[in-house]
Amino acid sequence: MRKWSELSEKEQEIIKKRYLSGESPSEIAKDYNLKPKQISDQAYRKKWNEGMKATKKTTSKKTNTKKTTTKKTSSKKTKK
């Protein structure tokens, strides 16, 4: 596997254009002997999608709220 830093600036720019055009990191990675995560990490770090926010639908993250329930104990006293 190659490192991102081993790529020329021209290769990095081509990868960026392919990524922004919608090609998956796994498809691009095959052509450059990279791991798909290397491409998605670069896209995230360098904010390649910054200009595309207005055109893409944003999905809202659902927060995982865990409801805690407490067991109510009966405070009734039994008569003898």
C-alpha atoms as a PDB file:
ATOM      1  CA  MET A   1       0.000   0.000   0.000  1.00  0.00           C
ATOM      2  CA  ARG A   2       1.115   3.521  -0.749  1.00  0.00           C
ATOM      3  CA  LYS A   3       1.022   6.438   1.597  1.00  0.00           C
ATOM      4  CA  TRP A   4      -0.902   9.580   0.733  1.00  0.00           C
ATOM      5  CA  SER A   5       2.301  11.604   0.991  1.00  0.00           C
ATOM      6  CA  GLU A   6       3.878   9.466  -1.765  1.00  0.00           C
ATOM      7  CA  LEU A   7       1.306  10.673  -4.306  1.00  0.00           C
ATOM      8  CA  SER A   8       2.159  13.579  -6.548  1.00  0.00           C
ATOM      9  CA  GLU A   9       0.114  16.762  -6.276  1.00  0.00           C
ATOM     10  CA  LYS A  10      -1.409  15.962  -9.653  1.00  0.00           C
ATOM     11  CA  GLU A  11      -2.519  12.500  -8.454  1.00  0.00           C
ATOM     12  CA  GLN A  12      -3.987  14.009  -5.294  1.00  0.00           C
ATOM     13  CA  GLU A  13      -5.918  16.556  -7.347  1.00  0.00           C
ATOM     14  CA  ILE A  14      -7.263  13.844  -9.671  1.00  0.00           C
ATOM     15  CA  ILE A  15      -8.365  11.777  -6.674  1.00  0.00           C
ATOM     16  CA  LYS A  16     -10.107  14.808  -5.193  1.00  0.00           C
ATOM     17  CA  LYS A  17     -11.970  15.497  -8.469  1.00  0.00           C
ATOM     18  CA  ARG A  18     -13.050  11.868  -8.781  1.00  0.00           C
ATOM     19  CA  TYR A  19     -14.220  11.822  -5.165  1.00  0.00           C
ATOM     20  CA  LEU A  20     -16.189  15.046  -5.556  1.00  0.00           C
ATOM     21  CA  SER A  21     -17.809  13.735  -8.732  1.00  0.00           C
ATOM     22  CA  GLY A  22     -19.330  10.959  -6.631  1.00  0.00           C
ATOM     23  CA  GLU A  23     -16.963   8.062  -7.253  1.00  0.00           C
ATOM     24  CA  SER A  24     -16.528   5.854  -4.204  1.00  0.00           C
ATOM     25  CA  PRO A  25     -13.254   5.825  -2.290  1.00  0.00           C
ATOM     26  CA  SER A  26     -12.964   2.063  -2.821  1.00  0.00           C
ATOM     27  CA  GLU A  27     -13.039   2.444  -6.617  1.00  0.00           C
ATOM     28  CA  ILE A  28     -10.496   5.262  -6.589  1.00  0.00           C
ATOM     29  CA  ALA A  29      -8.228   3.454  -4.128  1.00  0.00           C
ATOM     30  CA  LYS A  30      -7.822   0.479  -6.461  1.00  0.00           C
ATOM     31  CA  ASP A  31      -6.273   2.688  -9.139  1.00  0.00           C
ATOM     32  CA  TYR A  32      -3.657   4.185  -6.795  1.00  0.00           C
ATOM     33  CA  ASN A  33      -2.885   1.232  -4.501  1.00  0.00           C
ATOM     34  CA  LEU A  34      -4.383   3.051  -1.535  1.00  0.00           C
ATOM     35  CA  LYS A  35      -6.857   2.061   1.139  1.00  0.00           C
ATOM     36  CA  PRO A  36     -10.332   3.604   0.729  1.00  0.00           C
ATOM     37  CA  LYS A  37     -10.054   5.033   4.240  1.00  0.00           C
ATOM     38  CA  GLN A  38      -7.012   7.063   3.189  1.00  0.00           C
ATOM     39  CA  ILE A  39      -9.119   8.848   0.595  1.00  0.00           C
ATOM     40  CA  SER A  40     -12.105   9.444   2.858  1.00  0.00           C
ATOM     41  CA  ASP A  41      -9.768  10.648   5.636  1.00  0.00           C
ATOM     42  CA  GLN A  42      -8.171  13.173   3.299  1.00  0.00           C
ATOM     43  CA  ALA A  43     -11.577  14.351   2.129  1.00  0.00           C
ATOM     44  CA  TYR A  44     -12.639  14.869   5.732  1.00  0.00           C
ATOM     45  CA  ARG A  45      -9.431  16.577   6.868  1.00  0.00           C
ATOM     46  CA  LYS A  46      -9.223  18.895   3.903  1.00  0.00           C
ATOM     47  CA  LYS A  47     -12.977  19.501   3.846  1.00  0.00           C
ATOM     48  CA  TRP A  48     -13.392  18.578   0.199  1.00  0.00           C
ATOM     49  CA  ASN A  49     -17.167  18.536   0.616  1.00  0.00           C
ATOM     50  CA  GLU A  50     -17.278  22.051   2.094  1.00  0.00           C
ATOM     51  CA  GLY A  51     -18.565  23.619  -1.125  1.00  0.00           C
ATOM     52  CA  MET A  52     -21.025  20.817  -1.750  1.00  0.00           C
ATOM     53  CA  LYS A  53     -23.054  21.237   1.449  1.00  0.00           C
ATOM     54  CA  ALA A  54     -25.659  23.368  -0.275  1.00  0.00           C
ATOM     55  CA  THR A  55     -26.218  20.816  -3.032  1.00  0.00           C
ATOM     56  CA  LYS A  56     -26.301  17.625  -0.965  1.00  0.00           C
ATOM     57  CA  LYS A  57     -29.051  16.684   1.422  1.00  0.00           C
ATOM     58  CA  THR A  58     -27.858  16.698   4.948  1.00  0.00           C
ATOM     59  CA  THR A  59     -29.027  13.942   7.208  1.00  0.00           C
ATOM     60  CA  SER A  60     -29.694  14.687  10.789  1.00  0.00           C
ATOM     61  CA  LYS A  61     -28.120  12.379  13.282  1.00  0.00           C
ATOM     62  CA  LYS A  62     -30.448  10.805  15.737  1.00  0.00           C
ATOM     63  CA  THR A  63     -29.174  10.937  19.225  1.00  0.00           C
ATOM     64  CA  ASN A  64     -29.232   7.710  21.093  1.00  0.00           C
ATOM     65  CA  THR A  65     -31.016   8.630  24.251  1.00  0.00           C
ATOM     66  CA  LYS A  66     -31.325   5.807  26.660  1.00  0.00           C
ATOM     67  CA  LYS A  67     -34.321   5.977  28.929  1.00  0.00           C
ATOM     68  CA  THR A  68     -33.627   4.819  32.397  1.00  0.00           C
ATOM     69  CA  THR A  69     -36.413   3.422  34.419  1.00  0.00           C
ATOM     70  CA  THR A  70     -36.378   3.069  38.134  1.00  0.00           C
ATOM     71  CA  LYS A  71     -38.168   0.298  39.818  1.00  0.00           C
ATOM     72  CA  LYS A  72     -40.774   1.570  42.229  1.00  0.00           C
ATOM     73  CA  THR A  73     -40.907  -0.322  45.414  1.00  0.00           C
ATOM     74  CA  SER A  74     -44.040  -0.617  47.340  1.00  0.00           C
ATOM     75  CA  SER A  75     -43.944   1.175  50.663  1.00  0.00           C
ATOM     76  CA  LYS A  76     -47.044  -0.581  51.952  1.00  0.00           C
ATOM     77  CA  LYS A  77     -46.547  -2.282  55.250  1.00  0.00           C
ATOM     78  CA  THR A  78     -48.309  -5.489  55.904  1.00  0.00           C
ATOM     79  CA  LYS A  79     -50.380  -5.694  59.036  1.00  0.00           C
ATOM     80  CA  LYS A  80     -49.861  -8.603  61.355  1.00  0.00           C
END
